[in-house]
Amino acid sequence: MAHQTILVLDFGSQYTQLIARRLRELSVYSEILPFGTTAETVRARRASGIILSGGPASLSEPGAPRCDPALFACGVPVLGICYGMQAMAAALGGVVTDAPEREYGHATVSTRGESELLRGLPETLQVWASHGDLVTAAPPGFAVLGTSPNAPVAVMADPDRALHAVLFHPEVAHTTHGTALLRNFARDICGCTGDWTMASFVDDATARIREQVGPQGRVVCGVSGGVDSTVAALLAHRAIGDRLTCIFVDNGLLRLDEGAQVRARFADRLNLPLVCEDASDAFVDALAGVVDPERKRKIIGATFIDVFEVVAARLGQFDFLAQGTLYPDVIESVSVVGPSAAIKSHHNVGGLPERLRFQLVEPLRELFKDEVRELGREIGLEDTFVWRQPFPGPGLAVRILGEVTRERLDLLRRADAIVADEIRRSGLYRRTWQSFAVLLPVHSVGVMGDERTYEATVAIRAVDSRDGMTADWARLPHAVLAAMSSRIVNEVSGVNRVVYDISSKPPATIEWE
């Protein structure tokens, strides 16, 4: 089915995928393409609109990314965001200059005049800014519709050509009324009626898998027991039935009793064909002496491939590998289509060794976590499982700072189980994006039973987020934190100190490694 589509051209912003996500919240289908996408391609795709994303570059830099100037004359509405606004202004005869200092964080924009883009919004907007250049003069034909204390042109538009631009990020939750601004662009300016839903995605994804795999292809799916891989497996099973085989590799880096829970869920509740392989010794042995987080991730990824290859070969010939790769995995590992800066590698991003000779099936690659949850509900997963908090692919290895050993894994599992238990008791589990324990490579002096101790420190991490791309530390009640701390110190031998992480993302990441 062809959907009304808004194309997002990626200039490298870490928020590019959030633009697409916000549009999908409005039931408007969106795709992300390179910043150099031509007007001819836009016309061929029959796009309803174009959004130029932000980006980290400066237009004054040699080789700074620029868009095809013909985009602005192809008859399709365009919205420029931050760097996208600067690129639009430069292409159409405006003036872009270096700002006296980079503006990053909360800012206030005062609006004026009538505008389809700002219809229904207050005259004063609290926005999220992130830019080092300014538009000091709008291009000919543009009206200045908003200013800020640091920016003489914060909003501009040429309604006759359906060209609009803002110097802030409406896609970020910190911008109040940002979604309303994007709704005005998508619905009123581009004319999108909102024909893209999770129900339509199920049908589209199932058809794509069936077409990719063909009538004879066999698919193997590596499942972790989490929502992402489980939904990917269910979609594949819906598409090709018994030509799917799921493999669960217990890497010894899972949470308390998680392996048994995975086996029970797949066998008893989902009726998916599952083969289980206990490879915990291989993973823990491979991590011996390793402290660098990137090396941990790469070792875990390589070991998984080795184990998976052996198990898959034992089960017969497979043509495809299904994975639950999501958008945040991709954008934090590599640039999707633009020059986005990589933050960290992910175990299921970046391709497979040639020796495996699998073609990848990744039905969720352009979805965010909350979309996958909605999709899980759509295909019948129970609510308690759908709302299971995200868990990193490398497991507890990236929640243990320093060397990963069996003893440290056991200690962290018990502490983490207490955090999960108390957050559920408090009724905050679904309201919190993630909550978990981290084992630090720090020992400190304590007193227990009138005796001096010198034992480990556990950090508690809890964050609130809409999609994992940005997050704020959760303001957990003091009583909940006190219960966690008391239980961990008293029930987990080897820990005498508990601390709480109050860092947001950015600048920190959700996981410590």
Protein backbone atom coordinates (compact mmCIF):
# COMPACT_ATOMS: atom_id res chain seq x y z
CA MET A 1 0.00 0.00 0.00
CA ALA A 2 1.31 3.46 -0.91
CA HIS A 3 1.09 5.96 1.93
CA GLN A 4 1.23 9.74 1.92
CA THR A 5 4.89 10.34 2.68
CA ILE A 6 7.03 13.12 4.11
CA LEU A 7 10.70 12.70 3.29
CA VAL A 8 13.22 13.72 5.95
CA LEU A 9 16.59 14.67 4.45
CA ASP A 10 19.37 13.85 6.92
CA PHE A 11 22.08 16.45 7.48
CA GLY A 12 23.54 14.42 10.33
CA SER A 13 21.56 15.47 13.39
CA GLN A 14 21.29 12.95 16.22
CA TYR A 15 17.63 14.02 16.29
CA THR A 16 16.86 13.17 12.65
CA GLN A 17 15.05 9.97 13.55
CA LEU A 18 13.00 11.86 16.12
CA ILE A 19 11.53 13.95 13.30
CA ALA A 20 10.37 10.79 11.58
CA ARG A 21 9.08 9.47 14.91
CA ARG A 22 7.00 12.56 15.62
CA LEU A 23 5.44 12.40 12.17
CA ARG A 24 4.49 8.78 12.74
CA GLU A 25 2.83 9.76 16.01
CA LEU A 26 0.61 11.85 13.73
CA SER A 27 -0.02 8.72 11.58
CA VAL A 28 2.00 10.26 8.74
CA TYR A 29 4.45 7.90 7.05
CA SER A 30 8.00 9.24 6.81
CA GLU A 31 11.28 8.06 5.36
CA ILE A 32 14.82 9.33 5.88
CA LEU A 33 16.97 9.98 2.83
CA PRO A 34 20.43 11.54 2.32
CA PHE A 35 20.72 15.32 2.39
CA GLY A 36 21.78 15.26 -1.29
CA THR A 37 18.50 13.71 -2.47
CA THR A 38 17.49 15.43 -5.72
CA ALA A 39 14.26 17.18 -6.60
CA GLU A 40 13.81 14.57 -9.31
CA THR A 41 13.83 11.80 -6.69
CA VAL A 42 11.33 13.72 -4.56
CA ARG A 43 8.98 14.07 -7.50
CA ALA A 44 9.40 10.40 -8.42
CA ARG A 45 8.53 9.39 -4.85
CA ARG A 46 5.43 11.60 -5.00
CA ALA A 47 6.31 13.03 -1.60
CA SER A 48 3.73 15.13 0.19
CA GLY A 49 6.42 17.17 1.92
CA ILE A 50 10.11 17.51 2.74
CA ILE A 51 11.83 18.24 6.05
CA LEU A 52 15.47 19.29 6.14
CA SER A 53 16.97 18.04 9.40
CA GLY A 54 19.44 19.70 11.70
CA GLY A 55 23.13 18.83 11.64
CA PRO A 56 26.45 19.43 13.40
CA ALA A 57 28.22 21.20 10.51
CA SER A 58 28.65 24.89 9.80
CA LEU A 59 27.89 26.25 6.33
CA SER A 60 31.15 28.19 6.51
CA GLU A 61 33.14 24.93 6.63
CA PRO A 62 34.60 23.56 3.38
CA GLY A 63 32.48 20.67 2.15
CA ALA A 64 29.53 21.47 4.43
CA PRO A 65 26.49 19.43 3.35
CA ARG A 66 24.01 21.27 1.12
CA CYS A 67 20.73 20.24 -0.47
CA ASP A 68 19.67 20.38 -4.11
CA PRO A 69 18.48 23.98 -4.67
CA ALA A 70 15.83 22.65 -7.07
CA LEU A 71 14.00 21.18 -4.06
CA PHE A 72 12.60 24.62 -3.32
CA ALA A 73 10.99 24.90 -6.75
CA CYS A 74 9.56 21.41 -7.15
CA GLY A 75 6.14 22.28 -5.79
CA VAL A 76 6.46 20.26 -2.57
CA PRO A 77 6.23 22.00 0.84
CA VAL A 78 9.55 22.19 2.70
CA LEU A 79 10.29 22.70 6.40
CA GLY A 80 13.88 23.49 7.39
CA ILE A 81 14.93 22.70 10.97
CA CYS A 82 18.02 24.37 12.49
CA TYR A 83 20.84 23.50 10.03
CA GLY A 84 18.09 22.78 7.50
CA MET A 85 16.89 26.34 7.94
CA GLN A 86 20.40 27.64 7.38
CA ALA A 87 20.81 25.49 4.26
CA MET A 88 17.48 26.80 2.92
CA ALA A 89 18.43 30.41 3.62
CA ALA A 90 21.85 30.06 1.98
CA ALA A 91 20.39 28.38 -1.11
CA LEU A 92 17.75 31.07 -1.62
CA GLY A 93 19.77 34.22 -1.08
CA GLY A 94 19.57 34.78 2.66
CA VAL A 95 22.52 35.60 4.92
CA VAL A 96 23.97 32.97 7.28
CA THR A 97 26.76 33.97 9.68
CA ASP A 98 28.67 32.45 12.56
CA ALA A 99 26.97 33.06 15.90
CA PRO A 100 29.04 34.87 18.54
CA GLU A 101 28.74 31.70 20.59
CA ARG A 102 26.99 28.38 20.11
CA GLU A 103 23.45 28.28 21.49
CA TYR A 104 22.60 24.95 23.11
CA GLY A 105 19.68 24.21 25.40
CA HIS A 106 16.48 25.96 26.35
CA ALA A 107 15.61 29.19 24.52
CA THR A 108 12.59 31.49 24.13
CA VAL A 109 11.14 32.41 20.73
CA SER A 110 8.70 35.29 20.29
CA THR A 111 6.40 34.87 17.29
CA ARG A 112 4.52 37.46 15.25
CA GLY A 113 2.25 37.59 12.24
CA GLU A 114 -0.10 35.03 10.70
CA SER A 115 1.34 31.67 9.68
CA GLU A 116 -0.01 28.23 8.82
CA LEU A 117 3.01 26.74 10.57
CA LEU A 118 2.36 28.56 13.86
CA ARG A 119 -1.45 28.44 13.81
CA GLY A 120 -2.83 27.76 17.29
CA LEU A 121 0.55 28.18 19.01
CA PRO A 122 1.19 30.82 21.70
CA GLU A 123 3.12 33.97 20.92
CA THR A 124 5.96 32.85 23.20
CA LEU A 125 7.50 29.39 22.65
CA GLN A 126 9.91 27.55 24.92
CA VAL A 127 12.18 25.69 22.52
CA TRP A 128 15.31 23.53 22.35
CA ALA A 129 18.16 25.17 20.45
CA SER A 130 21.38 23.65 19.15
CA HIS A 131 23.18 25.77 16.58
CA GLY A 132 26.43 27.62 15.94
CA ASP A 133 25.29 29.67 12.91
CA LEU A 134 22.54 32.26 12.57
CA VAL A 135 20.30 33.46 9.74
CA THR A 136 20.81 37.21 9.99
CA ALA A 137 18.75 38.08 6.92
CA ALA A 138 15.90 36.01 5.48
CA PRO A 139 15.90 35.26 1.72
CA PRO A 140 13.84 37.44 -0.65
CA GLY A 141 10.15 36.62 -0.41
CA PHE A 142 10.37 35.33 3.18
CA ALA A 143 8.66 36.91 6.17
CA VAL A 144 10.32 36.78 9.60
CA LEU A 145 7.75 35.21 11.94
CA GLY A 146 9.81 34.65 15.07
CA THR A 147 12.88 35.93 16.87
CA SER A 148 14.82 35.04 19.98
CA PRO A 149 17.22 37.06 22.15
CA ASN A 150 20.14 35.50 20.24
CA ALA A 151 18.61 35.05 16.78
CA PRO A 152 17.09 37.80 14.62
CA VAL A 153 15.47 35.13 12.42
CA ALA A 154 14.17 32.18 14.45
CA VAL A 155 11.12 31.43 12.27
CA MET A 156 10.65 32.38 8.62
CA ALA A 157 8.26 31.47 5.80
CA ASP A 158 7.42 32.08 2.18
CA PRO A 159 3.83 30.78 2.06
CA ASP A 160 3.48 31.34 -1.68
CA ARG A 161 6.14 28.67 -2.25
CA ALA A 162 5.15 26.62 0.85
CA LEU A 163 8.64 27.09 2.33
CA HIS A 164 8.96 27.27 6.11
CA ALA A 165 11.89 27.12 8.56
CA VAL A 166 12.69 27.26 12.27
CA LEU A 167 16.02 27.65 14.06
CA PHE A 168 15.06 25.22 16.84
CA HIS A 169 14.14 21.56 17.17
CA PRO A 170 10.35 20.98 17.31
CA GLU A 171 10.94 17.22 17.34
CA VAL A 172 12.62 17.28 20.78
CA ALA A 173 10.39 16.93 23.83
CA HIS A 174 11.98 20.00 25.43
CA THR A 175 10.28 22.19 22.79
CA THR A 176 6.77 22.96 24.00
CA HIS A 177 4.15 22.79 21.23
CA GLY A 178 6.73 21.17 18.93
CA THR A 179 4.37 18.37 17.95
CA ALA A 180 1.64 20.90 17.21
CA LEU A 181 4.02 22.75 14.87
CA LEU A 182 4.85 19.51 13.04
CA ARG A 183 1.14 18.66 12.87
CA ASN A 184 0.46 22.02 11.22
CA PHE A 185 3.14 21.31 8.66
CA ALA A 186 2.08 17.73 7.95
CA ARG A 187 -1.69 18.16 8.00
CA ASP A 188 -2.40 21.77 6.98
CA ILE A 189 0.56 22.57 4.75
CA CYS A 190 1.32 19.15 3.21
CA GLY A 191 -2.28 17.91 3.24
CA CYS A 192 -1.52 14.54 4.90
CA THR A 193 -4.63 12.84 6.27
CA GLY A 194 -2.79 10.35 8.53
CA ASP A 195 -3.10 7.01 6.74
CA TRP A 196 -0.19 5.20 8.41
CA THR A 197 -0.94 3.05 11.48
CA MET A 198 0.54 0.04 13.24
CA ALA A 199 -2.23 -2.08 11.72
CA SER A 200 -1.12 -1.03 8.25
CA PHE A 201 2.52 -1.59 9.25
CA VAL A 202 1.78 -5.21 10.20
CA ASP A 203 0.36 -5.88 6.76
CA ASP A 204 3.17 -4.01 4.99
CA ALA A 205 5.96 -5.67 7.02
CA THR A 206 4.47 -9.14 6.58
CA ALA A 207 4.22 -8.62 2.83
CA ARG A 208 7.81 -7.32 2.64
CA ILE A 209 9.17 -10.33 4.55
CA ARG A 210 7.20 -12.73 2.35
CA GLU A 211 8.46 -11.02 -0.79
CA GLN A 212 12.10 -10.89 0.42
CA VAL A 213 12.23 -14.52 1.58
CA GLY A 214 10.30 -15.95 -1.34
CA PRO A 215 8.28 -19.18 -1.43
CA GLN A 216 11.14 -21.51 -0.44
CA GLY A 217 13.51 -19.46 1.75
CA ARG A 218 14.19 -20.47 5.36
CA VAL A 219 14.77 -17.92 8.11
CA VAL A 220 16.61 -18.23 11.39
CA CYS A 221 15.93 -15.60 14.05
CA GLY A 222 18.18 -14.89 17.00
CA VAL A 223 15.94 -14.04 19.95
CA SER A 224 16.98 -12.54 23.27
CA GLY A 225 13.59 -12.76 24.94
CA GLY A 226 13.10 -9.00 24.66
CA VAL A 227 10.28 -7.19 22.92
CA ASP A 228 12.24 -6.30 19.77
CA SER A 229 13.43 -9.75 18.74
CA THR A 230 10.15 -11.33 19.82
CA VAL A 231 8.07 -8.97 17.65
CA ALA A 232 10.47 -9.53 14.73
CA ALA A 233 10.07 -13.29 15.16
CA LEU A 234 6.28 -13.05 15.31
CA LEU A 235 6.19 -10.98 12.11
CA ALA A 236 8.43 -13.48 10.36
CA HIS A 237 6.30 -16.37 11.60
CA ARG A 238 3.18 -14.59 10.37
CA ALA A 239 4.83 -14.22 6.94
CA ILE A 240 6.42 -17.64 6.38
CA GLY A 241 5.12 -20.00 9.09
CA ASP A 242 7.21 -23.09 9.83
CA ARG A 243 10.06 -21.95 7.59
CA LEU A 244 11.17 -19.88 10.61
CA THR A 245 13.39 -21.26 13.38
CA CYS A 246 14.25 -19.19 16.47
CA ILE A 247 17.53 -19.61 18.34
CA PHE A 248 18.02 -18.38 21.89
CA VAL A 249 21.66 -18.18 22.98
CA ASP A 250 22.09 -17.92 26.74
CA ASN A 251 25.25 -15.82 26.96
CA GLY A 252 25.52 -15.88 30.74
CA LEU A 253 25.03 -12.10 30.78
CA LEU A 254 21.28 -12.13 31.39
CA ARG A 255 19.24 -10.97 34.35
CA LEU A 256 18.19 -13.29 37.17
CA ASP A 257 16.25 -16.35 35.89
CA GLU A 258 15.85 -14.75 32.47
CA GLY A 259 16.84 -17.82 30.46
CA ALA A 260 14.06 -19.91 31.99
CA GLN A 261 11.55 -17.12 31.42
CA VAL A 262 12.45 -16.91 27.73
CA ARG A 263 12.04 -20.65 27.22
CA ALA A 264 8.65 -20.66 28.96
CA ARG A 265 7.33 -17.66 27.03
CA PHE A 266 8.25 -18.99 23.58
CA ALA A 267 7.17 -22.56 24.22
CA ASP A 268 4.03 -22.06 26.32
CA ARG A 269 2.61 -18.71 25.25
CA LEU A 270 3.78 -17.89 21.74
CA ASN A 271 4.14 -21.37 20.23
CA LEU A 272 7.18 -20.30 18.24
CA PRO A 273 9.77 -22.93 17.25
CA LEU A 274 12.70 -22.34 19.63
CA VAL A 275 16.14 -23.93 19.97
CA CYS A 276 18.05 -23.02 23.17
CA GLU A 277 21.85 -23.05 23.50
CA ASP A 278 23.66 -22.48 26.81
CA ALA A 279 26.93 -20.78 25.83
CA SER A 280 27.50 -18.84 29.04
CA ASP A 281 30.97 -20.28 29.62
CA ALA A 282 32.15 -19.26 26.15
CA PHE A 283 31.05 -15.64 26.62
CA VAL A 284 32.36 -15.17 30.16
CA ASP A 285 35.68 -16.80 29.29
CA ALA A 286 36.06 -14.56 26.21
CA LEU A 287 35.54 -11.47 28.38
CA ALA A 288 38.20 -12.39 30.93
CA GLY A 289 40.47 -9.43 31.66
CA VAL A 290 38.61 -7.05 29.30
CA VAL A 291 37.65 -3.64 30.71
CA ASP A 292 37.18 -1.42 27.62
CA PRO A 293 33.43 -1.15 26.84
CA GLU A 294 33.85 -1.16 23.05
CA ARG A 295 36.02 -4.28 23.25
CA LYS A 296 33.36 -5.92 25.40
CA ARG A 297 30.68 -5.18 22.81
CA LYS A 298 32.80 -6.43 19.94
CA ILE A 299 33.82 -9.61 21.78
CA ILE A 300 30.21 -10.36 22.68
CA GLY A 301 29.12 -9.74 19.09
CA ALA A 302 31.87 -11.96 17.68
CA THR A 303 31.22 -14.74 20.20
CA PHE A 304 27.52 -14.63 19.45
CA ILE A 305 28.23 -15.03 15.74
CA ASP A 306 30.52 -17.99 16.44
CA VAL A 307 27.95 -19.75 18.62
CA PHE A 308 25.05 -18.88 16.36
CA GLU A 309 26.90 -20.21 13.33
CA VAL A 310 27.49 -23.59 14.98
CA VAL A 311 23.89 -23.92 16.14
CA ALA A 312 22.42 -22.81 12.80
CA ALA A 313 24.65 -25.24 10.90
CA ARG A 314 23.49 -28.03 13.17
CA LEU A 315 19.86 -27.23 12.31
CA GLY A 316 20.25 -27.24 8.53
CA GLN A 317 20.42 -24.70 5.71
CA PHE A 318 19.08 -21.18 6.23
CA ASP A 319 19.01 -18.35 3.74
CA PHE A 320 18.03 -15.41 5.95
CA LEU A 321 18.67 -14.06 9.43
CA ALA A 322 15.89 -12.06 11.11
CA GLN A 323 16.89 -9.45 13.69
CA GLY A 324 15.06 -6.98 15.89
CA THR A 325 17.28 -4.02 14.96
CA LEU A 326 15.72 -0.63 15.82
CA TYR A 327 16.37 2.95 14.76
CA PRO A 328 18.23 3.97 17.95
CA ASP A 329 20.58 0.98 17.46
CA VAL A 330 21.41 2.24 14.01
CA ILE A 331 21.80 5.94 14.67
CA GLU A 332 24.02 5.41 17.74
CA SER A 333 26.29 3.03 15.86
CA VAL A 334 26.66 4.39 12.36
CA SER A 335 25.27 7.13 10.20
CA VAL A 336 22.01 5.88 8.70
CA VAL A 337 22.02 8.03 5.61
CA GLY A 338 23.72 11.27 6.57
CA PRO A 339 26.94 12.28 8.36
CA SER A 340 25.63 11.62 11.90
CA ALA A 341 28.28 11.10 14.53
CA ALA A 342 28.58 7.56 15.89
CA ILE A 343 28.19 7.22 19.67
CA LYS A 344 28.73 3.52 20.31
CA SER A 345 28.52 0.23 18.47
CA HIS A 346 25.60 -2.16 18.77
CA HIS A 347 25.85 -5.92 18.55
CA ASN A 348 23.29 -6.24 15.74
CA VAL A 349 24.38 -3.31 13.57
CA GLY A 350 27.08 -3.17 10.96
CA GLY A 351 26.66 -6.32 8.91
CA LEU A 352 27.56 -9.98 9.25
CA PRO A 353 30.73 -11.94 8.56
CA GLU A 354 30.72 -13.11 4.96
CA ARG A 355 31.11 -16.72 6.05
CA LEU A 356 27.55 -16.77 7.42
CA ARG A 357 26.11 -15.95 3.99
CA PHE A 358 22.78 -14.87 5.47
CA GLN A 359 20.69 -12.09 4.02
CA LEU A 360 19.30 -9.86 6.76
CA VAL A 361 15.59 -9.53 7.46
CA GLU A 362 15.07 -6.48 9.69
CA PRO A 363 11.38 -5.59 9.78
CA LEU A 364 11.78 -3.15 12.71
CA ARG A 365 14.87 -1.28 11.53
CA GLU A 366 13.02 2.03 11.10
CA LEU A 367 10.92 1.85 14.27
CA PHE A 368 11.45 3.25 17.74
CA LYS A 369 10.92 1.25 20.93
CA ASP A 370 7.49 2.70 21.71
CA GLU A 371 6.37 1.93 18.15
CA VAL A 372 7.49 -1.68 18.62
CA ARG A 373 5.46 -1.85 21.82
CA GLU A 374 2.41 -0.58 19.97
CA LEU A 375 3.12 -3.12 17.25
CA GLY A 376 3.40 -5.90 19.85
CA ARG A 377 -0.03 -5.05 21.22
CA GLU A 378 -1.36 -4.97 17.66
CA ILE A 379 -0.25 -8.57 17.04
CA GLY A 380 -1.52 -9.88 20.38
CA LEU A 381 1.38 -9.89 22.86
CA GLU A 382 0.37 -9.63 26.51
CA ASP A 383 0.62 -6.17 28.02
CA THR A 384 3.07 -7.11 30.79
CA PHE A 385 5.55 -8.40 28.23
CA VAL A 386 5.09 -5.52 25.81
CA TRP A 387 6.02 -3.10 28.58
CA ARG A 388 9.15 -4.99 29.59
CA GLN A 389 11.90 -2.41 30.00
CA PRO A 390 14.65 -2.33 27.36
CA PHE A 391 17.72 -4.46 28.02
CA PRO A 392 21.01 -3.97 26.12
CA GLY A 393 22.13 -6.64 23.67
CA PRO A 394 25.49 -7.11 25.46
CA GLY A 395 23.54 -7.64 28.66
CA LEU A 396 25.05 -7.13 32.09
CA ALA A 397 28.55 -6.88 30.57
CA VAL A 398 27.96 -3.18 29.89
CA ARG A 399 26.48 -2.66 33.33
CA ILE A 400 29.64 -3.99 34.97
CA LEU A 401 32.34 -1.35 34.79
CA GLY A 402 35.66 -3.11 34.63
CA GLU A 403 36.27 -6.83 34.23
CA VAL A 404 33.33 -9.20 33.82
CA THR A 405 33.61 -12.27 36.04
CA ARG A 406 31.13 -14.90 37.20
CA GLU A 407 31.29 -13.53 40.73
CA ARG A 408 30.61 -9.94 39.65
CA LEU A 409 27.79 -11.10 37.35
CA ASP A 410 26.16 -12.96 40.22
CA LEU A 411 26.45 -9.92 42.49
CA LEU A 412 24.94 -7.58 39.89
CA ARG A 413 22.10 -9.98 39.07
CA ARG A 414 20.96 -10.02 42.68
CA ALA A 415 21.22 -6.24 43.04
CA ASP A 416 19.42 -5.66 39.73
CA ALA A 417 16.60 -8.02 40.72
CA ILE A 418 16.04 -5.94 43.86
CA VAL A 419 15.85 -2.72 41.81
CA ALA A 420 13.29 -4.31 39.48
CA ASP A 421 11.28 -5.72 42.41
CA GLU A 422 11.09 -2.38 44.23
CA ILE A 423 10.24 -0.38 41.11
CA ARG A 424 7.36 -2.78 40.42
CA ARG A 425 6.16 -2.62 44.03
CA SER A 426 6.07 1.15 43.80
CA GLY A 427 3.87 1.05 40.69
CA LEU A 428 6.48 2.97 38.68
CA TYR A 429 7.66 0.21 36.34
CA ARG A 430 5.61 1.26 33.30
CA ARG A 431 6.14 4.96 33.96
CA THR A 432 9.93 4.50 33.97
CA TRP A 433 11.73 3.90 30.67
CA GLN A 434 14.54 1.92 32.29
CA SER A 435 15.59 1.16 35.85
CA PHE A 436 18.54 -1.05 36.72
CA ALA A 437 21.69 -1.55 38.79
CA VAL A 438 25.27 -0.90 37.68
CA LEU A 439 28.31 -2.45 39.36
CA LEU A 440 31.14 0.05 39.71
CA PRO A 441 34.87 -0.75 39.90
CA VAL A 442 34.94 1.10 43.20
CA HIS A 443 35.39 -0.25 46.73
CA SER A 444 34.85 1.84 49.80
CA VAL A 445 35.08 1.52 53.56
CA GLY A 446 31.94 0.63 55.46
CA VAL A 447 30.80 -0.74 58.79
CA MET A 448 28.68 -3.86 59.16
CA GLY A 449 28.05 -5.61 62.46
CA ASP A 450 30.62 -3.41 64.19
CA GLU A 451 33.24 -4.59 61.73
CA ARG A 452 35.08 -2.65 59.06
CA THR A 453 34.23 -3.62 55.47
CA TYR A 454 35.84 -2.74 52.17
CA GLU A 455 33.32 -3.72 49.52
CA ALA A 456 31.77 -2.85 46.17
CA THR A 457 29.59 0.08 45.14
CA VAL A 458 26.35 -0.31 43.18
CA ALA A 459 24.80 2.57 41.24
CA ILE A 460 21.06 2.70 40.56
CA ARG A 461 20.08 4.13 37.16
CA ALA A 462 16.47 5.09 36.34
CA VAL A 463 15.41 7.32 33.45
CA ASP A 464 12.27 8.70 31.87
CA SER A 465 12.10 8.83 28.07
CA ARG A 466 9.72 8.68 25.12
CA ASP A 467 11.94 6.80 22.71
CA GLY A 468 15.45 6.29 24.13
CA MET A 469 17.02 9.02 22.00
CA THR A 470 16.85 11.55 24.82
CA ALA A 471 16.21 10.83 28.50
CA ASP A 472 15.98 12.52 31.88
CA TRP A 473 16.88 10.93 35.19
CA ALA A 474 13.79 9.70 37.01
CA ARG A 475 12.78 11.51 40.19
CA LEU A 476 12.13 8.32 42.15
CA PRO A 477 10.55 8.82 45.59
CA HIS A 478 13.08 8.81 48.40
CA ALA A 479 11.24 5.93 50.05
CA VAL A 480 11.74 3.77 46.94
CA LEU A 481 15.45 4.62 46.77
CA ALA A 482 15.80 3.92 50.49
CA ALA A 483 14.18 0.49 50.09
CA MET A 484 16.45 -0.39 47.18
CA SER A 485 19.57 0.72 49.03
CA SER A 486 18.67 -1.06 52.25
CA ARG A 487 17.83 -4.34 50.53
CA ILE A 488 20.91 -4.32 48.29
CA VAL A 489 23.32 -3.71 51.18
CA ASN A 490 21.62 -6.28 53.40
CA GLU A 491 20.80 -8.99 50.83
CA VAL A 492 23.72 -8.83 48.41
CA SER A 493 26.94 -9.97 49.99
CA GLY A 494 29.90 -7.88 48.86
CA VAL A 495 28.13 -4.49 48.55
CA ASN A 496 28.29 -1.81 51.24
CA ARG A 497 27.40 1.36 49.31
CA VAL A 498 24.61 2.37 46.89
CA VAL A 499 24.51 5.61 44.85
CA TYR A 500 21.92 7.11 42.47
CA ASP A 501 22.77 8.40 38.98
CA ILE A 502 21.20 11.82 38.24
CA SER A 503 22.63 12.30 34.71
CA SER A 504 20.41 12.99 31.70
CA LYS A 505 20.91 12.00 28.04
CA PRO A 506 22.51 14.05 26.60
CA PRO A 507 25.20 14.55 27.81
CA ALA A 508 25.33 11.05 29.34
CA THR A 509 23.99 7.89 27.71
CA ILE A 510 21.40 5.69 29.40
CA GLU A 511 23.77 2.76 29.79
CA TRP A 512 27.07 3.43 31.54
CA GLU A 513 29.05 1.64 28.83
